[in-house]
Amino acid sequence: MMTFLMILDAIISVALILVILGQEAKSGGMGGMDGGSDAVFSGKARGMDALLARLTVILGIFFAIITLIIAKMSM
C-alpha cells in the first residue's frame, strides 16, 4: 500500500509541475508587487487557463492529502 501511494504521489507531483508550467503568465513577475500593476487581480481566466487553474488546485489538494497519508503511515 505504501509503495502504491508513493508512486501515486510522484505521478501527481509530475502532473502538477506540468500543469503549472502550462499556464500562461499573468503578470510581470516580481515587478508587479509594487502596486503599480493590478494585472494579477484583473479579469477571469477563460478557456484553457481556467481548466489549468482548476487542475492546479485539484492536483495540489490530492498531493497534500496523499503526502499526509504517507507521513502518517510511516510513523
Protein backbone atom coordinates (compact mmCIF):
# COMPACT_ATOMS: atom_id res chain seq x y z
CA MET A 1 0.00 0.00 0.00
CA MET A 2 2.81 2.38 0.91
CA THR A 3 4.61 1.76 -2.39
CA PHE A 4 1.41 2.42 -4.34
CA LEU A 5 0.85 5.71 -2.51
CA MET A 6 4.45 6.81 -3.09
CA ILE A 7 4.21 6.08 -6.81
CA LEU A 8 0.86 7.87 -7.00
CA ASP A 9 2.37 10.84 -5.15
CA ALA A 10 5.25 11.01 -7.64
CA ILE A 11 2.87 10.85 -10.61
CA ILE A 12 0.69 13.61 -9.15
CA SER A 13 3.72 15.80 -8.45
CA VAL A 14 4.93 15.49 -12.06
CA ALA A 15 1.42 16.24 -13.34
CA LEU A 16 1.22 19.26 -11.02
CA ILE A 17 4.52 20.60 -12.35
CA LEU A 18 3.36 20.16 -15.96
CA VAL A 19 0.02 21.88 -15.28
CA ILE A 20 1.75 24.83 -13.61
CA LEU A 21 4.24 25.19 -16.44
CA GLY A 22 1.40 25.05 -18.97
CA GLN A 23 -0.29 28.12 -17.54
CA GLU A 24 0.11 31.50 -19.18
CA ALA A 25 1.98 34.19 -17.26
CA LYS A 26 -0.41 36.63 -15.58
CA SER A 27 1.93 39.48 -14.62
CA GLY A 28 5.40 40.89 -14.95
CA GLY A 29 6.73 38.71 -12.16
CA MET A 30 8.17 40.32 -9.05
CA GLY A 31 7.97 43.73 -10.71
CA GLY A 32 4.20 43.74 -10.26
CA MET A 33 4.49 43.71 -6.47
CA ASP A 34 5.00 47.47 -6.14
CA GLY A 35 1.28 48.17 -6.52
CA GLY A 36 1.58 49.92 -9.85
CA SER A 37 0.15 47.00 -11.76
CA ASP A 38 -3.11 45.29 -10.92
CA ALA A 39 -2.75 42.75 -13.72
CA VAL A 40 -2.69 39.88 -11.25
CA PHE A 41 -6.19 40.54 -9.91
CA SER A 42 -7.90 41.80 -13.05
CA GLY A 43 -10.12 39.63 -15.20
CA LYS A 44 -11.12 35.99 -15.01
CA ALA A 45 -9.35 33.06 -16.54
CA ARG A 46 -11.11 31.65 -19.57
CA GLY A 47 -10.76 28.52 -21.63
CA MET A 48 -7.57 26.55 -21.18
CA ASP A 49 -6.27 28.84 -18.43
CA ALA A 50 -9.40 28.20 -16.36
CA LEU A 51 -9.03 24.45 -16.83
CA LEU A 52 -5.36 24.54 -15.87
CA ALA A 53 -6.13 26.69 -12.82
CA ARG A 54 -8.76 24.19 -11.62
CA LEU A 55 -6.41 21.27 -12.27
CA THR A 56 -3.70 23.01 -10.26
CA VAL A 57 -5.98 23.29 -7.24
CA ILE A 58 -7.27 19.73 -7.54
CA LEU A 59 -3.83 18.18 -8.03
CA GLY A 60 -2.43 20.29 -5.18
CA ILE A 61 -5.13 19.05 -2.81
CA PHE A 62 -4.60 15.41 -3.85
CA PHE A 63 -0.83 15.80 -3.47
CA ALA A 64 -1.19 17.26 0.04
CA ILE A 65 -3.65 14.57 1.18
CA ILE A 66 -1.59 11.68 -0.16
CA THR A 67 1.61 13.13 1.31
CA LEU A 68 -0.05 13.43 4.74
CA ILE A 69 -1.30 9.84 4.50
CA ILE A 70 2.21 8.62 3.63
CA ALA A 71 3.66 10.59 6.55
CA LYS A 72 1.09 9.15 8.94
CA MET A 73 1.68 5.59 7.72
CA SER A 74 5.45 5.88 8.11
CA MET A 75 5.27 6.82 11.79
